[in-house]
């Protein structure tokens, strides 16, 4: 690949996702066709999330794509937050609609209108729903997987008898995402709470997971929101307690999107292409026959692969595209990020030896065929840990704790600044001018070591109050 990751990162990113055939442009600006390998990776992420969502007692629903515009208008803060991104249907069936319909940018309003129908008694709580869906937000500067006009996601919505229960749901959700992103996608995260001006529209609190991408910019990878009782008033959601007292439930919503595919590419990808951690790779290993003149070798290898697929939870493929050179075939799978390649021919088959090429570090090892299942299990675990540690070291290289606001203003290179901030508004406007954003108040219990230099420091903005450890970065 002539375009390098350290050269022009945006060009590298575009080149990688198209070379790996993850995506293609659609006929509508900002919309993309997600191709089979990206769909397969997304489905693996989806399966990992679904396991945990089901363990949380959340049931899956499917809600309508179209929402009456009046539903959004009931919640003033919500509609103001989404107004610039909303797509509206005004004509259908050959005539103007009596009421315009919004193509969902998110589903709070339509789901809460049904909560008002489904929730009547304390016996109906908690009510926990989840859906996997596509949404539309009209992006001015779309970028594949990161900010597309149409994207796919999971959105959970819950109602609870008390605020304490709702808060527990919010924290459980954000930790559920953290588990998948760190342990399956091998991407370290910084957990925190959004300041007021960055909260989800209509929410009382927004919790976030921020990741450091390959170029040092931040990416919001998942969020969980405490909505409280605000939406209940607008949608007449009430329940009667055991004592027959009319109360409003406390609501939450939480979600993760195909943006995680973008994070995966930007964090782990290299100059050869994408790198997919074994834990979520649709294909664990591609077996490449070095020669194709002996049909018996190919038949024997097909039988072995069928056995390996049966004995393990891995997915083995056989590459018999002999019309291409061995170099072309190796590179074909490298740029698609497949964790391992088996290289062998008749000689190797006769001797029971297999050479394994490891995607993330390019190393080759030779092992006996009888040990292949155990060896591959070990290699998967090692590669998973290596990718995470490499990404963590990368994140640490961008961390920069400072008690000076001027450090941020004069810094041109990407950094993950950790400052002390009390929430004063003066700093918000100043930071935006050179393109920085306040990402979150860092979770002090989760990241004690990271924020140790900032604890109990005066605010970097006003210098008067003691601030909270805050993450500042340029972001996607």
Protein backbone atom coordinates (compact mmCIF):
# COMPACT_ATOMS: atom_id res chain seq x y z
CA UNK A 1 0.00 0.00 0.00
CA UNK A 2 1.51 3.33 -1.08
CA UNK A 3 -0.53 5.37 1.42
CA UNK A 4 0.77 4.91 4.95
CA UNK A 5 -0.96 5.19 8.30
CA UNK A 6 1.61 7.67 9.60
CA UNK A 7 1.52 9.68 6.36
CA UNK A 8 -2.01 10.82 5.60
CA UNK A 9 -4.28 9.13 8.12
CA UNK A 10 -7.61 10.10 6.45
CA UNK A 11 -6.38 8.84 3.05
CA UNK A 12 -5.01 5.69 4.66
CA UNK A 13 -8.37 5.04 6.35
CA UNK A 14 -10.31 5.43 3.10
CA UNK A 15 -7.84 3.27 1.22
CA UNK A 16 -7.91 0.50 3.81
CA UNK A 17 -11.68 0.14 4.03
CA UNK A 18 -12.11 0.07 0.26
CA UNK A 19 -9.12 -2.22 -0.40
CA UNK A 20 -10.46 -4.68 2.18
CA UNK A 21 -13.86 -4.52 0.44
CA UNK A 22 -15.60 -3.57 3.66
CA UNK A 23 -17.72 -0.86 2.12
CA UNK A 24 -18.78 0.83 -1.10
CA UNK A 25 -20.40 4.16 -1.90
CA UNK A 26 -24.15 4.30 -2.36
CA UNK A 27 -25.98 6.68 -4.72
CA UNK A 28 -27.05 8.95 -1.81
CA UNK A 29 -24.33 11.11 -0.27
CA UNK A 30 -23.34 9.90 3.17
CA UNK A 31 -24.88 6.46 2.69
CA UNK A 32 -22.75 3.35 2.21
CA UNK A 33 -23.13 -0.27 1.22
CA UNK A 34 -21.68 -2.47 3.94
CA UNK A 35 -20.14 -5.50 2.27
CA UNK A 36 -20.04 -9.12 3.51
CA UNK A 37 -16.85 -9.09 5.59
CA UNK A 38 -17.85 -5.91 7.44
CA UNK A 39 -21.34 -7.34 7.95
CA UNK A 40 -19.79 -10.53 9.36
CA UNK A 41 -17.59 -8.57 11.80
CA UNK A 42 -20.58 -6.43 12.81
CA UNK A 43 -22.67 -9.58 13.37
CA UNK A 44 -19.97 -10.96 15.66
CA UNK A 45 -19.96 -7.72 17.64
CA UNK A 46 -23.74 -7.86 17.69
CA UNK A 47 -23.67 -11.43 19.03
CA UNK A 48 -21.26 -10.45 21.80
CA UNK A 49 -23.48 -7.55 22.83
CA UNK A 50 -26.65 -9.62 22.58
CA UNK A 51 -25.32 -12.23 25.01
CA UNK A 52 -24.76 -9.54 27.61
CA UNK A 53 -27.98 -7.64 26.86
CA UNK A 54 -30.00 -10.82 27.36
CA UNK A 55 -28.20 -11.45 30.66
CA UNK A 56 -29.41 -7.99 31.75
CA UNK A 57 -33.00 -9.17 31.27
CA UNK A 58 -33.63 -7.01 28.19
CA UNK A 59 -36.02 -8.27 25.49
CA UNK A 60 -35.71 -7.52 21.78
CA UNK A 61 -38.36 -5.53 19.90
CA UNK A 62 -38.70 -3.98 16.46
CA UNK A 63 -40.12 -0.46 16.31
CA UNK A 64 -41.25 1.62 13.30
CA UNK A 65 -38.81 3.58 11.16
CA UNK A 66 -41.24 6.51 10.80
CA UNK A 67 -42.17 8.72 13.74
CA UNK A 68 -44.91 11.40 13.77
CA UNK A 69 -43.19 14.79 13.89
CA UNK A 70 -45.44 15.80 16.77
CA UNK A 71 -43.78 13.12 18.94
CA UNK A 72 -40.41 14.86 18.68
CA UNK A 73 -42.00 18.27 19.24
CA UNK A 74 -43.42 17.13 22.58
CA UNK A 75 -39.90 17.04 24.01
CA UNK A 76 -38.35 20.47 23.51
CA UNK A 77 -34.75 19.62 24.46
CA UNK A 78 -34.85 16.44 22.40
CA UNK A 79 -36.03 18.05 19.17
CA UNK A 80 -33.60 20.96 19.53
CA UNK A 81 -30.74 18.49 19.84
CA UNK A 82 -31.69 16.60 16.68
CA UNK A 83 -33.36 19.26 14.53
CA UNK A 84 -30.38 19.88 12.17
CA UNK A 85 -29.98 16.16 11.49
CA UNK A 86 -33.62 15.14 11.04
CA UNK A 87 -34.93 13.88 7.68
CA UNK A 88 -38.67 14.45 7.20
CA UNK A 89 -41.16 12.72 4.90
CA UNK A 90 -43.84 15.18 3.70
CA UNK A 91 -45.30 13.31 0.69
CA UNK A 92 -46.40 9.69 0.33
CA UNK A 93 -48.97 7.79 -1.70
CA UNK A 94 -49.11 10.56 -4.27
CA UNK A 95 -50.21 13.31 -1.90
CA UNK A 96 -49.07 15.52 0.98
CA UNK A 97 -49.23 13.97 4.42
CA UNK A 98 -51.50 15.57 7.02
CA UNK A 99 -48.65 15.27 9.48
CA UNK A 100 -44.98 15.01 8.42
CA UNK A 101 -43.16 11.85 9.46
CA UNK A 102 -39.60 11.86 10.78
CA UNK A 103 -37.19 9.09 9.74
CA UNK A 104 -35.93 8.03 13.15
CA UNK A 105 -32.71 9.67 14.32
CA UNK A 106 -33.25 7.70 17.55
CA UNK A 107 -36.30 5.99 19.01
CA UNK A 108 -36.91 7.55 22.44
CA UNK A 109 -40.12 9.31 21.45
CA UNK A 110 -41.81 6.41 19.65
CA UNK A 111 -40.84 3.96 22.39
CA UNK A 112 -41.93 6.29 25.17
CA UNK A 113 -45.31 6.77 23.51
CA UNK A 114 -45.73 3.00 23.86
CA UNK A 115 -44.34 2.96 27.40
CA UNK A 116 -47.31 5.15 28.33
CA UNK A 117 -49.55 2.35 27.05
CA UNK A 118 -47.61 -0.59 28.49
CA UNK A 119 -46.79 0.81 31.96
CA UNK A 120 -49.67 1.16 34.41
CA UNK A 121 -48.64 -0.59 37.61
CA UNK A 122 -45.51 -1.27 39.65
CA UNK A 123 -45.91 -4.84 38.37
CA UNK A 124 -45.02 -3.61 34.85
CA UNK A 125 -41.57 -2.46 36.00
CA UNK A 126 -38.81 -2.68 35.19
CA UNK A 127 -39.60 -2.63 31.48
CA UNK A 128 -36.51 -3.26 29.35
CA UNK A 129 -36.52 -3.23 25.55
CA UNK A 130 -33.79 -3.37 22.92
CA UNK A 131 -33.78 -3.09 19.17
CA UNK A 132 -31.24 -3.47 16.37
CA UNK A 133 -32.09 -0.95 13.68
CA UNK A 134 -30.94 1.58 11.12
CA UNK A 135 -31.31 5.31 11.81
CA UNK A 136 -30.82 8.46 9.75
CA UNK A 137 -29.00 11.62 10.82
CA UNK A 138 -28.23 14.07 8.04
CA UNK A 139 -24.48 14.57 8.36
CA UNK A 140 -22.82 17.60 6.75
CA UNK A 141 -19.42 15.89 6.53
CA UNK A 142 -20.07 12.13 6.36
CA UNK A 143 -17.30 9.60 6.80
CA UNK A 144 -17.74 5.85 6.37
CA UNK A 145 -18.54 4.02 9.64
CA UNK A 146 -17.81 7.14 11.70
CA UNK A 147 -20.44 9.69 10.68
CA UNK A 148 -22.66 8.30 7.96
CA UNK A 149 -26.11 9.63 7.10
CA UNK A 150 -27.60 6.18 7.65
CA UNK A 151 -26.05 3.82 10.15
CA UNK A 152 -26.85 0.66 12.08
CA UNK A 153 -26.96 0.35 15.82
CA UNK A 154 -28.37 -1.20 18.94
CA UNK A 155 -30.51 0.94 21.22
CA UNK A 156 -31.74 -0.11 24.65
CA UNK A 157 -34.57 1.67 26.47
CA UNK A 158 -35.66 0.92 30.02
CA UNK A 159 -38.13 2.17 32.64
CA UNK A 160 -37.61 1.71 36.40
CA UNK A 161 -39.57 2.32 39.57
CA UNK A 162 -36.78 4.36 41.15
CA UNK A 163 -33.93 6.60 40.06
CA UNK A 164 -31.49 4.34 41.88
CA UNK A 165 -32.54 1.37 39.73
CA UNK A 166 -32.22 3.50 36.59
CA UNK A 167 -28.72 4.65 37.59
CA UNK A 168 -27.68 1.05 38.14
CA UNK A 169 -28.97 0.22 34.64
CA UNK A 170 -26.99 3.11 33.13
CA UNK A 171 -23.76 1.95 34.79
CA UNK A 172 -24.38 -1.71 33.98
CA UNK A 173 -24.91 -0.81 30.33
CA UNK A 174 -21.75 1.26 29.97
CA UNK A 175 -19.71 -1.49 31.65
CA UNK A 176 -21.29 -4.03 29.30
CA UNK A 177 -20.03 -2.04 26.31
CA UNK A 178 -16.65 -1.63 27.99
CA UNK A 179 -16.36 -5.40 28.38
CA UNK A 180 -17.00 -6.05 24.68
CA UNK A 181 -14.86 -3.19 23.37
CA UNK A 182 -11.86 -3.99 25.56
CA UNK A 183 -11.99 -7.78 25.71
CA UNK A 184 -13.32 -8.61 22.25
CA UNK A 185 -12.34 -5.64 20.07
CA UNK A 186 -9.06 -5.22 22.03
CA UNK A 187 -9.52 -1.43 22.26
CA UNK A 188 -8.79 0.34 25.57
CA UNK A 189 -11.39 2.85 26.68
CA UNK A 190 -11.63 5.87 28.95
CA UNK A 191 -14.90 5.84 30.86
CA UNK A 192 -16.51 9.08 31.97
CA UNK A 193 -19.52 11.35 32.14
CA UNK A 194 -20.30 14.04 29.57
CA UNK A 195 -20.44 17.67 30.75
CA UNK A 196 -23.85 19.35 30.49
CA UNK A 197 -23.26 20.90 27.06
CA UNK A 198 -22.30 17.52 25.57
CA UNK A 199 -25.13 15.42 27.03
CA UNK A 200 -27.61 13.52 24.89
CA UNK A 201 -30.58 15.73 24.02
CA UNK A 202 -33.09 15.56 26.88
CA UNK A 203 -30.91 13.44 29.20
CA UNK A 204 -30.00 14.21 32.80
CA UNK A 205 -26.68 12.37 32.48
CA UNK A 206 -24.68 10.82 29.64
CA UNK A 207 -21.95 8.28 30.32
CA UNK A 208 -19.42 7.60 27.58
CA UNK A 209 -16.53 5.40 26.50
CA UNK A 210 -13.82 7.34 24.65
CA UNK A 211 -11.12 5.67 22.59
CA UNK A 212 -7.82 6.93 21.17
CA UNK A 213 -7.65 6.33 17.43
CA UNK A 214 -4.52 5.77 15.36
CA UNK A 215 -4.02 9.48 14.69
CA UNK A 216 -4.55 10.55 18.30
CA UNK A 217 -8.12 11.79 17.85
CA UNK A 218 -10.85 10.66 20.22
CA UNK A 219 -13.86 8.60 19.20
CA UNK A 220 -17.01 8.19 21.28
CA UNK A 221 -17.62 4.44 21.06
CA UNK A 222 -20.72 3.88 23.21
CA UNK A 223 -23.01 5.91 25.46
CA UNK A 224 -25.53 5.30 28.22
CA UNK A 225 -28.03 7.96 29.29
CA UNK A 226 -30.04 8.62 32.43
CA UNK A 227 -33.19 10.23 31.03
CA UNK A 228 -34.92 10.48 34.40
CA UNK A 229 -38.58 11.52 34.40
CA UNK A 230 -38.45 14.31 31.80
CA UNK A 231 -39.86 12.25 28.94
CA UNK A 232 -42.53 10.81 31.28
CA UNK A 233 -44.23 14.18 31.61
CA UNK A 234 -44.35 14.74 27.84
CA UNK A 235 -45.64 11.24 27.08
CA UNK A 236 -47.85 10.75 30.16
CA UNK A 237 -45.92 7.75 31.48
CA UNK A 238 -47.11 6.88 35.00
CA UNK A 239 -47.49 3.85 37.20
CA UNK A 240 -49.30 3.13 40.47
CA UNK A 241 -47.24 1.89 43.40
CA UNK A 242 -48.28 -0.90 45.77
CA UNK A 243 -49.76 1.87 47.91
CA UNK A 244 -51.82 3.10 44.88
CA UNK A 245 -49.77 6.29 44.55
CA UNK A 246 -49.34 7.66 41.03
CA UNK A 247 -45.61 7.95 40.17
CA UNK A 248 -43.37 8.54 37.15
CA UNK A 249 -40.79 5.89 36.31
CA UNK A 250 -37.14 6.79 35.75
CA UNK A 251 -36.00 6.12 32.17
CA UNK A 252 -32.70 5.21 30.50
CA UNK A 253 -31.41 4.69 26.98
CA UNK A 254 -28.09 3.31 25.76
CA UNK A 255 -26.52 2.35 22.45
CA UNK A 256 -23.55 1.39 20.28
CA UNK A 257 -23.24 1.66 16.51
CA UNK A 258 -21.33 0.49 13.43
CA UNK A 259 -18.91 3.23 14.46
CA UNK A 260 -17.21 0.38 16.33
CA UNK A 261 -16.09 -0.94 12.93
CA UNK A 262 -14.40 2.38 12.27
CA UNK A 263 -12.72 2.24 15.67
CA UNK A 264 -11.48 -1.28 14.98
CA UNK A 265 -9.90 -0.21 11.70
CA UNK A 266 -8.35 3.02 13.00
CA UNK A 267 -6.87 1.44 16.13
CA UNK A 268 -5.51 -1.87 14.82
CA UNK A 269 -5.05 -1.35 11.07
CA UNK A 270 -1.59 -1.03 9.55
CA UNK A 271 -0.02 -0.29 6.17
CA UNK A 272 -1.02 -3.72 4.85
CA UNK A 273 -4.71 -3.27 5.67
CA UNK A 274 -7.12 -3.93 8.50
CA UNK A 275 -6.31 -6.16 11.48
CA UNK A 276 -9.21 -8.03 13.08
CA UNK A 277 -8.78 -9.42 16.62
CA UNK A 278 -9.32 -13.20 16.71
CA UNK A 279 -12.18 -12.85 19.21
CA UNK A 280 -14.44 -11.21 16.63
CA UNK A 281 -12.90 -12.21 13.31
CA UNK A 282 -15.40 -14.05 11.05
CA UNK A 283 -12.49 -16.18 9.80
CA UNK A 284 -9.73 -17.25 12.18
CA UNK A 285 -7.41 -18.85 9.67
CA UNK A 286 -7.06 -19.21 5.90
CA UNK A 287 -5.24 -22.29 4.67
CA UNK A 288 -3.23 -21.51 1.53
CA UNK A 289 -2.12 -24.43 -0.62
CA UNK A 290 1.28 -23.63 -2.12
CA UNK A 291 0.75 -25.94 -5.12
CA UNK A 292 -2.39 -27.14 -6.80
CA UNK A 293 -1.28 -29.86 -9.14
CA UNK A 294 -2.07 -32.64 -6.67
CA UNK A 295 -5.84 -32.99 -6.20
CA UNK A 296 -5.32 -35.48 -3.37
CA UNK A 297 -3.57 -32.82 -1.27
CA UNK A 298 -6.51 -30.48 -1.76
CA UNK A 299 -9.07 -33.16 -0.91
CA UNK A 300 -7.11 -34.15 2.20
CA UNK A 301 -6.85 -30.54 3.31
CA UNK A 302 -10.58 -29.99 2.86
CA UNK A 303 -11.22 -32.95 5.11
CA UNK A 304 -8.82 -31.61 7.73
CA UNK A 305 -10.46 -28.18 7.67
CA UNK A 306 -13.89 -29.74 8.09
CA UNK A 307 -12.53 -31.61 11.13
CA UNK A 308 -10.91 -28.49 12.62
CA UNK A 309 -14.11 -26.49 12.17
CA UNK A 310 -16.00 -29.24 13.96
CA UNK A 311 -13.50 -29.61 16.82
CA UNK A 312 -13.08 -25.89 17.52
CA UNK A 313 -15.09 -22.67 17.61
CA UNK A 314 -12.73 -21.25 15.00
CA UNK A 315 -13.58 -20.76 11.34
CA UNK A 316 -11.07 -22.18 8.83
CA UNK A 317 -11.14 -21.43 5.10
CA UNK A 318 -9.22 -23.03 2.25
CA UNK A 319 -7.69 -20.84 -0.49
CA UNK A 320 -7.19 -22.74 -3.74
CA UNK A 321 -6.97 -19.73 -6.07
CA UNK A 322 -3.96 -21.13 -7.90
CA UNK A 323 -4.34 -18.64 -10.75
CA UNK A 324 -2.78 -16.04 -8.42
CA UNK A 325 0.79 -16.06 -7.16
CA UNK A 326 1.48 -17.07 -3.57
CA UNK A 327 2.44 -13.46 -2.77
CA UNK A 328 -0.83 -12.15 -4.16
CA UNK A 329 -2.83 -14.67 -2.16
CA UNK A 330 -1.02 -13.91 1.09
CA UNK A 331 -1.55 -10.18 0.62
CA UNK A 332 -5.22 -10.73 -0.30
CA UNK A 333 -5.89 -12.12 3.17
CA UNK A 334 -3.50 -9.79 4.98
CA UNK A 335 -5.35 -6.66 3.85
CA UNK A 336 -8.60 -8.25 5.06
CA UNK A 337 -7.11 -8.68 8.52
CA UNK A 338 -7.51 -12.45 8.89
CA UNK A 339 -5.59 -13.35 12.10
CA UNK A 340 -3.66 -16.37 10.74
CA UNK A 341 -2.62 -18.07 7.52
CA UNK A 342 -1.54 -21.71 7.14
CA UNK A 343 1.03 -22.15 4.37
CA UNK A 344 1.69 -25.66 3.07
CA UNK A 345 2.00 -27.98 0.06
CA UNK A 346 2.44 -31.69 -0.57
CA UNK A 347 5.83 -31.80 1.18
CA UNK A 348 4.42 -30.18 4.32
CA UNK A 349 1.37 -32.42 4.16
CA UNK A 350 3.49 -35.58 3.91
CA UNK A 351 5.59 -34.50 6.91
CA UNK A 352 2.59 -33.36 8.99
CA UNK A 353 4.03 -29.85 9.31
CA UNK A 354 2.21 -26.53 8.98
CA UNK A 355 3.71 -23.03 8.84
CA UNK A 356 1.52 -20.39 10.50
CA UNK A 357 1.81 -16.75 9.45
CA UNK A 358 0.59 -14.34 12.14
CA UNK A 359 -1.20 -11.25 10.86
CA UNK A 360 -0.50 -8.60 13.49
CA UNK A 361 3.28 -9.02 13.81
CA UNK A 362 4.13 -10.83 10.55
CA UNK A 363 5.95 -13.66 12.31
CA UNK A 364 5.95 -17.26 11.08
CA UNK A 365 6.05 -20.36 13.24
CA UNK A 366 6.15 -24.03 12.32
CA UNK A 367 4.21 -26.66 14.20
CA UNK A 368 3.07 -30.22 13.81
CA UNK A 369 -0.37 -30.90 12.46
CA UNK A 370 -1.41 -32.90 15.53
CA UNK A 371 -0.87 -29.86 17.79
CA UNK A 372 -2.63 -27.37 15.57
CA UNK A 373 -5.80 -26.93 17.63
CA UNK A 374 -3.95 -26.28 20.89
CA UNK A 375 -1.34 -24.07 19.23
CA UNK A 376 -3.96 -21.95 17.48
CA UNK A 377 -5.87 -21.46 20.72
CA UNK A 378 -2.68 -20.18 22.34
CA UNK A 379 -1.85 -17.94 19.37
CA UNK A 380 -5.35 -16.42 19.38
CA UNK A 381 -5.03 -15.53 23.06
CA UNK A 382 -1.56 -14.06 22.54
CA UNK A 383 -2.63 -11.98 19.53
CA UNK A 384 -5.69 -10.68 21.37
CA UNK A 385 -3.57 -9.55 24.32
CA UNK A 386 -0.86 -8.13 22.07
CA UNK A 387 -3.34 -6.01 20.11
CA UNK A 388 -4.85 -4.63 23.31
CA UNK A 389 -1.47 -3.84 24.87
CA UNK A 390 -0.26 -2.17 21.68
CA UNK A 391 -3.40 -0.02 21.59
CA UNK A 392 -3.03 0.79 25.29
CA UNK A 393 0.60 1.86 24.80
CA UNK A 394 -0.53 4.01 21.88
CA UNK A 395 -3.18 5.67 24.04
CA UNK A 396 -0.68 6.29 26.83
CA UNK A 397 1.68 7.97 24.37
CA UNK A 398 -0.98 10.64 23.71
CA UNK A 399 -1.95 11.25 27.34
CA UNK A 400 -0.77 14.60 28.66
CA UNK A 401 -1.75 15.88 32.11
CA UNK A 402 -1.57 19.64 32.55
CA UNK A 403 -2.78 22.32 34.95
CA UNK A 404 -2.35 25.00 32.29
CA UNK A 405 -5.08 25.93 29.83
CA UNK A 406 -2.39 27.57 27.68
CA UNK A 407 -0.79 24.17 27.06
CA UNK A 408 -3.92 23.15 25.19
CA UNK A 409 -4.29 26.37 23.24
CA UNK A 410 -0.76 26.32 21.85
CA UNK A 411 -0.61 22.57 21.11
CA UNK A 412 -1.04 21.74 17.42
CA UNK A 413 -0.37 18.01 17.65
CA UNK A 414 -3.09 15.60 18.72
CA UNK A 415 -3.13 14.92 22.46
CA UNK A 416 -5.39 13.41 25.08
CA UNK A 417 -5.19 16.25 27.59
CA UNK A 418 -6.18 15.55 31.18
CA UNK A 419 -7.01 18.79 32.97
CA UNK A 420 -8.80 19.84 36.11
CA UNK A 421 -12.06 21.61 35.22
CA UNK A 422 -14.91 22.82 37.39
CA UNK A 423 -17.41 23.20 34.55
CA UNK A 424 -16.97 26.95 34.06
CA UNK A 425 -18.32 28.06 30.67
CA UNK A 426 -15.41 30.30 29.70
CA UNK A 427 -13.22 27.34 28.81
CA UNK A 428 -15.82 25.72 26.53
CA UNK A 429 -15.80 28.47 23.94
CA UNK A 430 -12.03 28.97 24.00
CA UNK A 431 -11.33 25.26 23.51
CA UNK A 432 -13.64 25.02 20.50
CA UNK A 433 -11.79 27.73 18.58
CA UNK A 434 -8.63 25.63 17.94
CA UNK A 435 -10.76 22.51 17.45
CA UNK A 436 -10.52 20.83 20.85
CA UNK A 437 -13.56 19.31 22.59
CA UNK A 438 -14.27 18.41 26.19
CA UNK A 439 -14.87 14.68 25.97
CA UNK A 440 -15.86 13.78 29.52
CA UNK A 441 -15.27 14.02 33.24
CA UNK A 442 -13.07 10.96 33.74
CA UNK A 443 -14.37 8.23 36.05
CA UNK A 444 -12.06 8.68 39.03
CA UNK A 445 -12.62 5.21 40.45
CA UNK A 446 -11.91 3.49 37.13
CA UNK A 447 -8.85 5.54 36.16
CA UNK A 448 -7.09 6.41 39.42
CA UNK A 449 -3.57 6.01 38.05
CA UNK A 450 -4.32 7.97 34.87
CA UNK A 451 -5.61 11.04 36.72
CA UNK A 452 -3.32 10.98 39.79
CA UNK A 453 -1.52 14.21 38.74
CA UNK A 454 -4.77 16.16 38.44
CA UNK A 455 -6.71 15.15 41.56
CA UNK A 456 -7.62 18.13 43.79
CA UNK A 457 -6.02 20.64 41.41
CA UNK A 458 -7.59 24.06 40.78
CA UNK A 459 -9.65 24.41 37.62
CA UNK A 460 -7.44 25.05 34.57
CA UNK A 461 -10.00 27.59 33.38
CA UNK A 462 -11.02 29.84 36.28
CA UNK A 463 -8.19 28.84 38.71
CA UNK A 464 -10.65 29.35 41.58
CA UNK A 465 -12.61 26.14 42.23
CA UNK A 466 -11.24 22.62 42.57
CA UNK A 467 -12.03 20.86 39.34
CA UNK A 468 -12.73 17.31 38.19
CA UNK A 469 -10.32 15.27 36.07
CA UNK A 470 -11.44 16.02 32.51
CA UNK A 471 -10.47 14.59 29.12
CA UNK A 472 -9.90 17.11 26.30
CA UNK A 473 -9.11 16.00 22.75
CA UNK A 474 -9.84 16.61 19.10
CA UNK A 475 -12.47 14.14 18.01
CA UNK A 476 -14.32 12.48 15.17
